[in-house]
């Protein structure tokens, strides 16, 4: 029984020394990572390949939308129901055509053939 008790004391002491030295050496080697803020994994190896893959996955999106705007005579007193029943292009006094464009970038979350989900 004394042998087991002596072994446990030595074992626990060694574990304590090992774990306390690991914490100290980590804090000594990487003091900036112990600032209480969220950090991604420290790049202990070259991350150039991963950064290149990420930058290649970003896609430029060009989007254009075309609109027709219809102007009606103010004295016609059209309601929403009336507009649904009439031929809008014939009843309008003026048709205005315009478009809007937008450019943005996105990282695809899904790709199937040439279809991207962003």
PDB file of N, CA and C in Angstrom:
ATOM      1  N   UNK A   1       0.818  -1.194   0.000  1.00  0.00           N
ATOM      2  CA  UNK A   1       0.000   0.000   0.000  1.00  0.00           C
ATOM      3  C   UNK A   1       0.865   1.262   0.000  1.00  0.00           C
ATOM      4  N   UNK A   2       2.005   1.185   0.733  1.00  0.00           N
ATOM      5  CA  UNK A   2       2.902   2.325   0.786  1.00  0.00           C
ATOM      6  C   UNK A   2       3.539   2.570  -0.581  1.00  0.00           C
ATOM      7  N   UNK A   3       3.795   1.467  -1.332  1.00  0.00           N
ATOM      8  CA  UNK A   3       4.383   1.619  -2.665  1.00  0.00           C
ATOM      9  C   UNK A   3       3.413   2.335  -3.611  1.00  0.00           C
ATOM     10  N   UNK A   4       2.137   1.970  -3.537  1.00  0.00           N
ATOM     11  CA  UNK A   4       1.132   2.586  -4.402  1.00  0.00           C
ATOM     12  C   UNK A   4       0.967   4.053  -4.041  1.00  0.00           C
ATOM     13  N   UNK A   5       0.935   4.347  -2.742  1.00  0.00           N
ATOM     14  CA  UNK A   5       0.786   5.726  -2.299  1.00  0.00           C
ATOM     15  C   UNK A   5       1.991   6.557  -2.732  1.00  0.00           C
ATOM     16  N   UNK A   6       3.188   6.015  -2.628  1.00  0.00           N
ATOM     17  CA  UNK A   6       4.401   6.711  -3.064  1.00  0.00           C
ATOM     18  C   UNK A   6       4.405   6.928  -4.574  1.00  0.00           C
ATOM     19  N   UNK A   7       3.964   5.883  -5.311  1.00  0.00           N
ATOM     20  CA  UNK A   7       3.880   5.998  -6.763  1.00  0.00           C
ATOM     21  C   UNK A   7       2.889   7.087  -7.162  1.00  0.00           C
ATOM     22  N   UNK A   8       1.722   7.137  -6.520  1.00  0.00           N
ATOM     23  CA  UNK A   8       0.716   8.150  -6.837  1.00  0.00           C
ATOM     24  C   UNK A   8       1.230   9.556  -6.551  1.00  0.00           C
ATOM     25  N   UNK A   9       1.950   9.725  -5.458  1.00  0.00           N
ATOM     26  CA  UNK A   9       2.488  11.048  -5.130  1.00  0.00           C
ATOM     27  C   UNK A   9       3.485  11.494  -6.196  1.00  0.00           C
ATOM     28  N   UNK A  10       4.363  10.592  -6.588  1.00  0.00           N
ATOM     29  CA  UNK A  10       5.348  10.926  -7.622  1.00  0.00           C
ATOM     30  C   UNK A  10       4.658  11.190  -8.956  1.00  0.00           C
ATOM     31  N   UNK A  11       3.684  10.370  -9.307  1.00  0.00           N
ATOM     32  CA  UNK A  11       2.956  10.514 -10.563  1.00  0.00           C
ATOM     33  C   UNK A  11       2.217  11.854 -10.633  1.00  0.00           C
ATOM     34  N   UNK A  12       1.506  12.194  -9.568  1.00  0.00           N
ATOM     35  CA  UNK A  12       0.757  13.458  -9.525  1.00  0.00           C
ATOM     36  C   UNK A  12       1.717  14.643  -9.575  1.00  0.00           C
ATOM     37  N   UNK A  13       2.838  14.544  -8.891  1.00  0.00           N
ATOM     38  CA  UNK A  13       3.836  15.613  -8.902  1.00  0.00           C
ATOM     39  C   UNK A  13       4.390  15.818 -10.309  1.00  0.00           C
ATOM     40  N   UNK A  14       4.690  14.718 -11.012  1.00  0.00           N
ATOM     41  CA  UNK A  14       5.210  14.830 -12.382  1.00  0.00           C
ATOM     42  C   UNK A  14       4.178  15.436 -13.324  1.00  0.00           C
ATOM     43  N   UNK A  15       2.929  15.015 -13.178  1.00  0.00           N
ATOM     44  CA  UNK A  15       1.876  15.591 -14.018  1.00  0.00           C
ATOM     45  C   UNK A  15       1.732  17.088 -13.769  1.00  0.00           C
ATOM     46  N   UNK A  16       1.791  17.485 -12.533  1.00  0.00           N
ATOM     47  CA  UNK A  16       1.690  18.902 -12.193  1.00  0.00           C
ATOM     48  C   UNK A  16       2.826  19.696 -12.820  1.00  0.00           C
ATOM     49  N   UNK A  17       4.022  19.174 -12.752  1.00  0.00           N
ATOM     50  CA  UNK A  17       5.186  19.853 -13.336  1.00  0.00           C
ATOM     51  C   UNK A  17       5.044  19.943 -14.851  1.00  0.00           C
ATOM     52  N   UNK A  18       4.613  18.854 -15.477  1.00  0.00           N
ATOM     53  CA  UNK A  18       4.466  18.840 -16.935  1.00  0.00           C
ATOM     54  C   UNK A  18       3.429  19.859 -17.384  1.00  0.00           C
ATOM     55  N   UNK A  19       2.246  19.848 -16.769  1.00  0.00           N
ATOM     56  CA  UNK A  19       1.174  20.758 -17.198  1.00  0.00           C
ATOM     57  C   UNK A  19       1.498  22.209 -16.881  1.00  0.00           C
ATOM     58  N   UNK A  20       2.130  22.465 -15.771  1.00  0.00           N
ATOM     59  CA  UNK A  20       2.460  23.859 -15.453  1.00  0.00           C
ATOM     60  C   UNK A  20       3.571  24.373 -16.361  1.00  0.00           C
ATOM     61  N   UNK A  21       4.506  23.545 -16.754  1.00  0.00           N
ATOM     62  CA  UNK A  21       5.576  23.995 -17.643  1.00  0.00           C
ATOM     63  C   UNK A  21       5.044  24.218 -19.054  1.00  0.00           C
ATOM     64  N   UNK A  22       4.074  23.430 -19.492  1.00  0.00           N
ATOM     65  CA  UNK A  22       3.498  23.616 -20.829  1.00  0.00           C
ATOM     66  C   UNK A  22       2.807  24.967 -20.913  1.00  0.00           C
ATOM     67  N   UNK A  23       2.050  25.317 -19.919  1.00  0.00           N
ATOM     68  CA  UNK A  23       1.342  26.586 -19.907  1.00  0.00           C
ATOM     69  C   UNK A  23       2.330  27.743 -19.908  1.00  0.00           C
ATOM     70  N   UNK A  24       3.364  27.637 -19.103  1.00  0.00           N
ATOM     71  CA  UNK A  24       4.355  28.700 -19.021  1.00  0.00           C
ATOM     72  C   UNK A  24       5.099  28.868 -20.339  1.00  0.00           C
ATOM     73  N   UNK A  25       5.500  27.767 -20.956  1.00  0.00           N
ATOM     74  CA  UNK A  25       6.240  27.880 -22.206  1.00  0.00           C
ATOM     75  C   UNK A  25       5.351  28.423 -23.318  1.00  0.00           C
ATOM     76  N   UNK A  26       4.093  28.063 -23.360  1.00  0.00           N
ATOM     77  CA  UNK A  26       3.177  28.584 -24.369  1.00  0.00           C
ATOM     78  C   UNK A  26       3.014  30.087 -24.207  1.00  0.00           C
ATOM     79  N   UNK A  27       2.836  30.529 -22.967  1.00  0.00           N
ATOM     80  CA  UNK A  27       2.681  31.966 -22.716  1.00  0.00           C
ATOM     81  C   UNK A  27       3.970  32.716 -23.017  1.00  0.00           C
ATOM     82  N   UNK A  28       5.111  32.068 -22.828  1.00  0.00           N
ATOM     83  CA  UNK A  28       6.392  32.708 -23.114  1.00  0.00           C
ATOM     84  C   UNK A  28       6.646  32.806 -24.613  1.00  0.00           C
ATOM     85  N   UNK A  29       6.317  31.749 -25.348  1.00  0.00           N
ATOM     86  CA  UNK A  29       6.576  31.715 -26.787  1.00  0.00           C
ATOM     87  C   UNK A  29       5.563  32.560 -27.560  1.00  0.00           C
ATOM     88  N   UNK A  30       4.283  32.487 -27.201  1.00  0.00           N
ATOM     89  CA  UNK A  30       3.225  33.201 -27.911  1.00  0.00           C
ATOM     90  C   UNK A  30       2.489  34.155 -26.982  1.00  0.00           C
ATOM     91  N   UNK A  31       3.122  35.210 -26.463  1.00  0.00           N
ATOM     92  CA  UNK A  31       2.438  36.084 -25.503  1.00  0.00           C
ATOM     93  C   UNK A  31       1.287  36.875 -26.121  1.00  0.00           C
ATOM     94  N   UNK A  32       1.354  37.178 -27.417  1.00  0.00           N
ATOM     95  CA  UNK A  32       0.289  37.971 -28.037  1.00  0.00           C
ATOM     96  C   UNK A  32      -0.996  37.174 -28.207  1.00  0.00           C
ATOM     97  N   UNK A  33      -0.916  35.861 -28.201  1.00  0.00           N
ATOM     98  CA  UNK A  33      -2.127  35.048 -28.353  1.00  0.00           C
ATOM     99  C   UNK A  33      -2.901  34.930 -27.050  1.00  0.00           C
ATOM    100  N   UNK A  34      -2.306  35.347 -25.959  1.00  0.00           N
ATOM    101  CA  UNK A  34      -2.960  35.238 -24.660  1.00  0.00           C
ATOM    102  C   UNK A  34      -3.534  36.591 -24.249  1.00  0.00           C
ATOM    103  N   UNK A  35      -4.265  37.249 -25.177  1.00  0.00           N
ATOM    104  CA  UNK A  35      -4.816  38.566 -24.897  1.00  0.00           C
ATOM    105  C   UNK A  35      -6.304  38.529 -24.554  1.00  0.00           C
ATOM    106  N   UNK A  36      -6.880  37.319 -24.455  1.00  0.00           N
ATOM    107  CA  UNK A  36      -8.293  37.196 -24.104  1.00  0.00           C
ATOM    108  C   UNK A  36      -9.238  37.413 -25.272  1.00  0.00           C
ATOM    109  N   UNK A  37      -8.725  37.630 -26.454  1.00  0.00           N
ATOM    110  CA  UNK A  37      -9.544  37.823 -27.649  1.00  0.00           C
ATOM    111  C   UNK A  37      -9.563  36.551 -28.473  1.00  0.00           C
ATOM    112  N   UNK A  38     -10.556  36.476 -29.358  1.00  0.00           N
ATOM    113  CA  UNK A  38     -10.655  35.314 -30.240  1.00  0.00           C
ATOM    114  C   UNK A  38      -9.579  35.407 -31.309  1.00  0.00           C
ATOM    115  N   UNK A  39      -8.859  34.342 -31.500  1.00  0.00           N
ATOM    116  CA  UNK A  39      -7.838  34.259 -32.539  1.00  0.00           C
ATOM    117  C   UNK A  39      -8.065  32.980 -33.328  1.00  0.00           C
ATOM    118  N   UNK A  40      -7.733  33.037 -34.608  1.00  0.00           N
ATOM    119  CA  UNK A  40      -7.724  31.795 -35.357  1.00  0.00           C
ATOM    120  C   UNK A  40      -6.444  31.053 -35.007  1.00  0.00           C
ATOM    121  N   UNK A  41      -6.328  29.863 -35.496  1.00  0.00           N
ATOM    122  CA  UNK A  41      -5.155  29.051 -35.165  1.00  0.00           C
ATOM    123  C   UNK A  41      -3.887  29.757 -35.601  1.00  0.00           C
ATOM    124  N   UNK A  42      -2.894  29.730 -34.758  1.00  0.00           N
ATOM    125  CA  UNK A  42      -1.618  30.364 -35.060  1.00  0.00           C
ATOM    126  C   UNK A  42      -0.975  29.654 -36.244  1.00  0.00           C
ATOM    127  N   UNK A  43      -0.530  30.388 -37.261  1.00  0.00           N
ATOM    128  CA  UNK A  43       0.049  29.735 -38.448  1.00  0.00           C
ATOM    129  C   UNK A  43       1.457  29.197 -38.179  1.00  0.00           C
ATOM    130  N   UNK A  44       1.512  28.008 -37.617  1.00  0.00           N
ATOM    131  CA  UNK A  44       2.791  27.385 -37.308  1.00  0.00           C
ATOM    132  C   UNK A  44       3.457  26.815 -38.556  1.00  0.00           C
ATOM    133  N   UNK A  45       2.747  26.817 -39.680  1.00  0.00           N
ATOM    134  CA  UNK A  45       3.318  26.383 -40.950  1.00  0.00           C
ATOM    135  C   UNK A  45       2.869  27.375 -42.016  1.00  0.00           C
ATOM    136  N   UNK A  46       3.418  27.264 -43.186  1.00  0.00           N
ATOM    137  CA  UNK A  46       3.080  28.184 -44.259  1.00  0.00           C
ATOM    138  C   UNK A  46       1.592  28.065 -44.614  1.00  0.00           C
ATOM    139  N   UNK A  47       0.925  29.177 -44.689  1.00  0.00           N
ATOM    140  CA  UNK A  47      -0.501  29.170 -45.024  1.00  0.00           C
ATOM    141  C   UNK A  47      -0.745  29.789 -46.400  1.00  0.00           C
ATOM    142  N   UNK A  48       0.306  29.940 -47.188  1.00  0.00           N
ATOM    143  CA  UNK A  48       0.176  30.570 -48.503  1.00  0.00           C
ATOM    144  C   UNK A  48      -0.772  29.796 -49.416  1.00  0.00           C
ATOM    145  N   UNK A  49      -0.700  28.486 -49.395  1.00  0.00           N
ATOM    146  CA  UNK A  49      -1.549  27.671 -50.270  1.00  0.00           C
ATOM    147  C   UNK A  49      -3.026  27.857 -49.908  1.00  0.00           C
ATOM    148  N   UNK A  50      -3.332  27.843 -48.611  1.00  0.00           N
ATOM    149  CA  UNK A  50      -4.715  28.024 -48.183  1.00  0.00           C
ATOM    150  C   UNK A  50      -5.215  29.424 -48.535  1.00  0.00           C
ATOM    151  N   UNK A  51      -4.361  30.443 -48.360  1.00  0.00           N
ATOM    152  CA  UNK A  51      -4.762  31.805 -48.699  1.00  0.00           C
ATOM    153  C   UNK A  51      -5.001  31.952 -50.195  1.00  0.00           C
ATOM    154  N   UNK A  52      -4.190  31.277 -51.008  1.00  0.00           N
ATOM    155  CA  UNK A  52      -4.388  31.323 -52.459  1.00  0.00           C
ATOM    156  C   UNK A  52      -5.706  30.655 -52.841  1.00  0.00           C
ATOM    157  N   UNK A  53      -6.030  29.515 -52.215  1.00  0.00           N
ATOM    158  CA  UNK A  53      -7.298  28.835 -52.499  1.00  0.00           C
ATOM    159  C   UNK A  53      -8.483  29.722 -52.126  1.00  0.00           C
ATOM    160  N   UNK A  54      -8.378  30.402 -50.995  1.00  0.00           N
ATOM    161  CA  UNK A  54      -9.463  31.280 -50.556  1.00  0.00           C
ATOM    162  C   UNK A  54      -9.633  32.438 -51.535  1.00  0.00           C
ATOM    163  N   UNK A  55      -8.520  33.072 -51.927  1.00  0.00           N
ATOM    164  CA  UNK A  55      -8.618  34.215 -52.841  1.00  0.00           C
ATOM    165  C   UNK A  55      -9.118  33.783 -54.216  1.00  0.00           C
ATOM    166  N   UNK A  56      -8.787  32.576 -54.662  1.00  0.00           N
ATOM    167  CA  UNK A  56      -9.291  32.091 -55.950  1.00  0.00           C
ATOM    168  C   UNK A  56     -10.772  31.737 -55.898  1.00  0.00           C
ATOM    169  N   UNK A  57     -11.306  31.505 -54.714  1.00  0.00           N
ATOM    170  CA  UNK A  57     -12.722  31.141 -54.617  1.00  0.00           C
ATOM    171  C   UNK A  57     -13.638  32.365 -54.651  1.00  0.00           C
ATOM    172  N   UNK A  58     -13.093  33.560 -54.468  1.00  0.00           N
ATOM    173  CA  UNK A  58     -13.911  34.770 -54.475  1.00  0.00           C
ATOM    174  C   UNK A  58     -14.283  35.107 -55.914  1.00  0.00           C
ATOM    175  N   UNK A  59     -15.553  35.334 -56.145  1.00  0.00           N
ATOM    176  CA  UNK A  59     -16.054  35.588 -57.498  1.00  0.00           C
ATOM    177  C   UNK A  59     -16.626  37.000 -57.585  1.00  0.00           C
ATOM    178  N   UNK A  60     -16.401  37.640 -58.747  1.00  0.00           N
ATOM    179  CA  UNK A  60     -16.989  38.938 -59.037  1.00  0.00           C
ATOM    180  C   UNK A  60     -18.361  38.705 -59.658  1.00  0.00           C
ATOM    181  N   UNK A  61     -19.349  39.402 -59.145  1.00  0.00           N
ATOM    182  CA  UNK A  61     -20.720  39.256 -59.643  1.00  0.00           C
ATOM    183  C   UNK A  61     -21.150  40.571 -60.275  1.00  0.00           C
ATOM    184  N   UNK A  62     -21.513  40.509 -61.548  1.00  0.00           N
ATOM    185  CA  UNK A  62     -22.102  41.653 -62.242  1.00  0.00           C
ATOM    186  C   UNK A  62     -23.578  41.354 -62.429  1.00  0.00           C
ATOM    187  N   UNK A  63     -24.407  42.263 -62.005  1.00  0.00           N
ATOM    188  CA  UNK A  63     -25.850  42.035 -62.109  1.00  0.00           C
ATOM    189  C   UNK A  63     -26.492  43.272 -62.729  1.00  0.00           C
ATOM    190  N   UNK A  64     -27.394  43.030 -63.656  1.00  0.00           N
ATOM    191  CA  UNK A  64     -28.113  44.141 -64.280  1.00  0.00           C
ATOM    192  C   UNK A  64     -29.597  43.786 -64.314  1.00  0.00           C
ATOM    193  N   UNK A  65     -30.411  44.765 -64.012  1.00  0.00           N
ATOM    194  CA  UNK A  65     -31.863  44.573 -64.027  1.00  0.00           C
ATOM    195  C   UNK A  65     -32.481  45.640 -64.926  1.00  0.00           C
ATOM    196  N   UNK A  66     -33.415  45.223 -65.759  1.00  0.00           N
ATOM    197  CA  UNK A  66     -34.110  46.130 -66.660  1.00  0.00           C
ATOM    198  C   UNK A  66     -35.535  46.331 -66.162  1.00  0.00           C
ATOM    199  N   UNK A  67     -35.994  47.574 -66.215  1.00  0.00           N
ATOM    200  CA  UNK A  67     -37.319  47.912 -65.706  1.00  0.00           C
ATOM    201  C   UNK A  67     -38.100  48.718 -66.732  1.00  0.00           C
ATOM    202  N   UNK A  68     -39.401  48.510 -66.743  1.00  0.00           N
ATOM    203  CA  UNK A  68     -40.328  49.375 -67.464  1.00  0.00           C
ATOM    204  C   UNK A  68     -41.204  50.044 -66.421  1.00  0.00           C
ATOM    205  N   UNK A  69     -41.316  51.337 -66.533  1.00  0.00           N
ATOM    206  CA  UNK A  69     -42.176  52.093 -65.626  1.00  0.00           C
ATOM    207  C   UNK A  69     -43.307  52.684 -66.467  1.00  0.00           C
ATOM    208  N   UNK A  70     -44.536  52.518 -66.038  1.00  0.00           N
ATOM    209  CA  UNK A  70     -45.697  52.970 -66.796  1.00  0.00           C
ATOM    210  C   UNK A  70     -46.330  54.161 -66.104  1.00  0.00           C
ATOM    211  N   UNK A  71     -46.606  55.183 -66.886  1.00  0.00           N
ATOM    212  CA  UNK A  71     -47.234  56.397 -66.362  1.00  0.00           C
ATOM    213  C   UNK A  71     -48.662  56.433 -66.899  1.00  0.00           C
ATOM    214  N   UNK A  72     -49.622  56.664 -65.987  1.00  0.00           N
ATOM    215  CA  UNK A  72     -51.041  56.725 -66.357  1.00  0.00           C
ATOM    216  C   UNK A  72     -51.579  58.121 -66.109  1.00  0.00           C
ATOM    217  N   UNK A  73     -52.632  58.455 -66.828  1.00  0.00           N
ATOM    218  CA  UNK A  73     -53.286  59.752 -66.641  1.00  0.00           C
ATOM    219  C   UNK A  73     -53.862  59.810 -65.231  1.00  0.00           C
ATOM    220  N   UNK A  74     -53.580  60.909 -64.575  1.00  0.00           N
ATOM    221  CA  UNK A  74     -54.025  61.070 -63.179  1.00  0.00           C
ATOM    222  C   UNK A  74     -55.550  61.064 -63.069  1.00  0.00           C
ATOM    223  N   UNK A  75     -56.229  61.505 -64.081  1.00  0.00           N
ATOM    224  CA  UNK A  75     -57.695  61.587 -64.053  1.00  0.00           C
ATOM    225  C   UNK A  75     -58.374  60.249 -64.332  1.00  0.00           C
ATOM    226  N   UNK A  76     -57.605  59.186 -64.633  1.00  0.00           N
ATOM    227  CA  UNK A  76     -58.223  57.894 -64.925  1.00  0.00           C
ATOM    228  C   UNK A  76     -58.618  57.158 -63.649  1.00  0.00           C
ATOM    229  N   UNK A  77     -58.089  57.550 -62.501  1.00  0.00           N
ATOM    230  CA  UNK A  77     -58.426  56.969 -61.192  1.00  0.00           C
ATOM    231  C   UNK A  77     -58.373  55.442 -61.202  1.00  0.00           C
ATOM    232  N   UNK A  78     -57.273  54.899 -61.689  1.00  0.00           N
ATOM    233  CA  UNK A  78     -57.104  53.448 -61.752  1.00  0.00           C
ATOM    234  C   UNK A  78     -56.843  52.883 -60.354  1.00  0.00           C
ATOM    235  N   UNK A  79     -57.427  51.738 -60.089  1.00  0.00           N
ATOM    236  CA  UNK A  79     -57.165  51.003 -58.842  1.00  0.00           C
ATOM    237  C   UNK A  79     -56.262  49.805 -59.173  1.00  0.00           C
ATOM    238  N   UNK A  80     -55.815  49.123 -58.142  1.00  0.00           N
ATOM    239  CA  UNK A  80     -54.974  47.939 -58.351  1.00  0.00           C
ATOM    240  C   UNK A  80     -55.737  46.892 -59.153  1.00  0.00           C
ATOM    241  N   UNK A  81     -56.992  46.714 -58.861  1.00  0.00           N
ATOM    242  CA  UNK A  81     -57.817  45.758 -59.603  1.00  0.00           C
ATOM    243  C   UNK A  81     -57.958  46.136 -61.062  1.00  0.00           C
ATOM    244  N   UNK A  82     -58.102  47.445 -61.347  1.00  0.00           N
ATOM    245  CA  UNK A  82     -58.211  47.909 -62.734  1.00  0.00           C
ATOM    246  C   UNK A  82     -56.927  47.619 -63.519  1.00  0.00           C
ATOM    247  N   UNK A  83     -55.788  47.832 -62.889  1.00  0.00           N
ATOM    248  CA  UNK A  83     -54.506  47.628 -63.563  1.00  0.00           C
ATOM    249  C   UNK A  83     -54.319  46.159 -63.925  1.00  0.00           C
ATOM    250  N   UNK A  84     -54.847  45.267 -63.111  1.00  0.00           N
ATOM    251  CA  UNK A  84     -54.730  43.841 -63.398  1.00  0.00           C
ATOM    252  C   UNK A  84     -55.609  43.426 -64.580  1.00  0.00           C
ATOM    253  N   UNK A  85     -56.655  44.194 -64.861  1.00  0.00           N
ATOM    254  CA  UNK A  85     -57.615  43.821 -65.906  1.00  0.00           C
ATOM    255  C   UNK A  85     -57.315  44.443 -67.264  1.00  0.00           C
ATOM    256  N   UNK A  86     -56.575  45.546 -67.297  1.00  0.00           N
ATOM    257  CA  UNK A  86     -56.375  46.262 -68.555  1.00  0.00           C
ATOM    258  C   UNK A  86     -55.039  45.891 -69.195  1.00  0.00           C
ATOM    259  N   UNK A  87     -54.880  46.260 -70.463  1.00  0.00           N
ATOM    260  CA  UNK A  87     -53.594  46.121 -71.146  1.00  0.00           C
ATOM    261  C   UNK A  87     -52.766  47.345 -70.755  1.00  0.00           C
ATOM    262  N   UNK A  88     -51.774  47.121 -69.921  1.00  0.00           N
ATOM    263  CA  UNK A  88     -51.015  48.225 -69.335  1.00  0.00           C
ATOM    264  C   UNK A  88     -50.312  49.043 -70.406  1.00  0.00           C
ATOM    265  N   UNK A  89     -49.692  48.400 -71.380  1.00  0.00           N
ATOM    266  CA  UNK A  89     -48.922  49.123 -72.394  1.00  0.00           C
ATOM    267  C   UNK A  89     -49.814  50.014 -73.260  1.00  0.00           C
ATOM    268  N   UNK A  90     -51.054  49.598 -73.509  1.00  0.00           N
ATOM    269  CA  UNK A  90     -51.965  50.416 -74.317  1.00  0.00           C
ATOM    270  C   UNK A  90     -52.584  51.537 -73.500  1.00  0.00           C
ATOM    271  N   UNK A  91     -52.794  51.306 -72.207  1.00  0.00           N
ATOM    272  CA  UNK A  91     -53.451  52.309 -71.360  1.00  0.00           C
ATOM    273  C   UNK A  91     -52.490  53.357 -70.816  1.00  0.00           C
ATOM    274  N   UNK A  92     -51.214  53.071 -70.806  1.00  0.00           N
ATOM    275  CA  UNK A  92     -50.238  54.012 -70.251  1.00  0.00           C
ATOM    276  C   UNK A  92     -50.047  55.187 -71.188  1.00  0.00           C
ATOM    277  N   UNK A  93     -49.871  56.367 -70.611  1.00  0.00           N
ATOM    278  CA  UNK A  93     -49.604  57.548 -71.419  1.00  0.00           C
ATOM    279  C   UNK A  93     -48.124  57.651 -71.760  1.00  0.00           C
ATOM    280  N   UNK A  94     -47.277  56.978 -70.968  1.00  0.00           N
ATOM    281  CA  UNK A  94     -45.839  57.027 -71.195  1.00  0.00           C
ATOM    282  C   UNK A  94     -45.201  55.765 -70.615  1.00  0.00           C
ATOM    283  N   UNK A  95     -44.212  55.229 -71.302  1.00  0.00           N
ATOM    284  CA  UNK A  95     -43.440  54.079 -70.815  1.00  0.00           C
ATOM    285  C   UNK A  95     -41.996  54.527 -70.677  1.00  0.00           C
ATOM    286  N   UNK A  96     -41.449  54.344 -69.482  1.00  0.00           N
ATOM    287  CA  UNK A  96     -40.060  54.725 -69.218  1.00  0.00           C
ATOM    288  C   UNK A  96     -39.253  53.448 -69.022  1.00  0.00           C
ATOM    289  N   UNK A  97     -38.162  53.339 -69.771  1.00  0.00           N
ATOM    290  CA  UNK A  97     -37.292  52.171 -69.692  1.00  0.00           C
ATOM    291  C   UNK A  97     -36.010  52.580 -68.980  1.00  0.00           C
ATOM    292  N   UNK A  98     -35.611  51.812 -67.976  1.00  0.00           N
ATOM    293  CA  UNK A  98     -34.346  52.092 -67.301  1.00  0.00           C
ATOM    294  C   UNK A  98     -33.766  50.803 -66.745  1.00  0.00           C
ATOM    295  N   UNK A  99     -32.512  50.884 -66.301  1.00  0.00           N
ATOM    296  CA  UNK A  99     -31.848  49.703 -65.750  1.00  0.00           C
ATOM    297  C   UNK A  99     -30.987  50.110 -64.560  1.00  0.00           C
ATOM    298  N   UNK A 100     -30.658  49.146 -63.749  1.00  0.00           N
ATOM    299  CA  UNK A 100     -29.756  49.316 -62.614  1.00  0.00           C
ATOM    300  C   UNK A 100     -28.705  48.225 -62.679  1.00  0.00           C
ATOM    301  N   UNK A 101     -27.470  48.594 -62.390  1.00  0.00           N
ATOM    302  CA  UNK A 101     -26.400  47.605 -62.351  1.00  0.00           C
ATOM    303  C   UNK A 101     -25.760  47.612 -60.971  1.00  0.00           C
ATOM    304  N   UNK A 102     -25.177  46.488 -60.636  1.00  0.00           N
ATOM    305  CA  UNK A 102     -24.461  46.376 -59.369  1.00  0.00           C
ATOM    306  C   UNK A 102     -23.303  45.414 -59.567  1.00  0.00           C
ATOM    307  N   UNK A 103     -22.199  45.718 -58.926  1.00  0.00           N
ATOM    308  CA  UNK A 103     -21.038  44.825 -58.911  1.00  0.00           C
ATOM    309  C   UNK A 103     -20.711  44.541 -57.457  1.00  0.00           C
ATOM    310  N   UNK A 104     -20.427  43.304 -57.185  1.00  0.00           N
ATOM    311  CA  UNK A 104     -20.075  42.909 -55.821  1.00  0.00           C
ATOM    312  C   UNK A 104     -19.205  41.665 -55.888  1.00  0.00           C
ATOM    313  N   UNK A 105     -18.655  41.282 -54.761  1.00  0.00           N
ATOM    314  CA  UNK A 105     -17.889  40.043 -54.700  1.00  0.00           C
ATOM    315  C   UNK A 105     -18.519  39.132 -53.667  1.00  0.00           C
ATOM    316  N   UNK A 106     -18.323  37.841 -53.851  1.00  0.00           N
ATOM    317  CA  UNK A 106     -18.890  36.864 -52.919  1.00  0.00           C
ATOM    318  C   UNK A 106     -18.042  35.607 -52.940  1.00  0.00           C
ATOM    319  N   UNK A 107     -18.105  34.883 -51.856  1.00  0.00           N
ATOM    320  CA  UNK A 107     -17.460  33.569 -51.783  1.00  0.00           C
ATOM    321  C   UNK A 107     -18.526  32.513 -51.957  1.00  0.00           C
ATOM    322  N   UNK A 108     -18.369  31.643 -52.947  1.00  0.00           N
ATOM    323  CA  UNK A 108     -19.379  30.612 -53.168  1.00  0.00           C
ATOM    324  C   UNK A 108     -19.439  29.624 -52.011  1.00  0.00           C
ATOM    325  N   UNK A 109     -20.637  29.277 -51.639  1.00  0.00           N
ATOM    326  CA  UNK A 109     -20.845  28.268 -50.616  1.00  0.00           C
ATOM    327  C   UNK A 109     -21.163  26.916 -51.236  1.00  0.00           C
ATOM    328  N   UNK A 110     -21.533  26.937 -52.518  1.00  0.00           N
ATOM    329  CA  UNK A 110     -21.941  25.724 -53.207  1.00  0.00           C
ATOM    330  C   UNK A 110     -21.615  25.878 -54.681  1.00  0.00           C
ATOM    331  N   UNK A 111     -21.150  24.817 -55.323  1.00  0.00           N
ATOM    332  CA  UNK A 111     -20.896  24.856 -56.758  1.00  0.00           C
ATOM    333  C   UNK A 111     -21.301  23.523 -57.373  1.00  0.00           C
ATOM    334  N   UNK A 112     -22.089  23.605 -58.427  1.00  0.00           N
ATOM    335  CA  UNK A 112     -22.486  22.412 -59.184  1.00  0.00           C
ATOM    336  C   UNK A 112     -22.426  22.795 -60.646  1.00  0.00           C
ATOM    337  N   UNK A 113     -21.520  22.136 -61.380  1.00  0.00           N
ATOM    338  CA  UNK A 113     -21.215  22.507 -62.772  1.00  0.00           C
ATOM    339  C   UNK A 113     -20.815  23.984 -62.806  1.00  0.00           C
ATOM    340  N   UNK A 114     -21.583  24.805 -63.487  1.00  0.00           N
ATOM    341  CA  UNK A 114     -21.271  26.245 -63.537  1.00  0.00           C
ATOM    342  C   UNK A 114     -22.241  27.067 -62.692  1.00  0.00           C
ATOM    343  N   UNK A 115     -22.985  26.420 -61.817  1.00  0.00           N
ATOM    344  CA  UNK A 115     -23.950  27.103 -60.967  1.00  0.00           C
ATOM    345  C   UNK A 115     -23.359  27.289 -59.576  1.00  0.00           C
ATOM    346  N   UNK A 116     -23.331  28.525 -59.110  1.00  0.00           N
ATOM    347  CA  UNK A 116     -22.792  28.849 -57.788  1.00  0.00           C
ATOM    348  C   UNK A 116     -23.906  29.248 -56.847  1.00  0.00           C
ATOM    349  N   UNK A 117     -23.817  28.777 -55.624  1.00  0.00           N
ATOM    350  CA  UNK A 117     -24.708  29.234 -54.560  1.00  0.00           C
ATOM    351  C   UNK A 117     -23.911  30.134 -53.633  1.00  0.00           C
ATOM    352  N   UNK A 118     -24.344  31.385 -53.496  1.00  0.00           N
ATOM    353  CA  UNK A 118     -23.592  32.343 -52.686  1.00  0.00           C
ATOM    354  C   UNK A 118     -24.413  32.870 -51.539  1.00  0.00           C
TER     355      UNK A 118
END
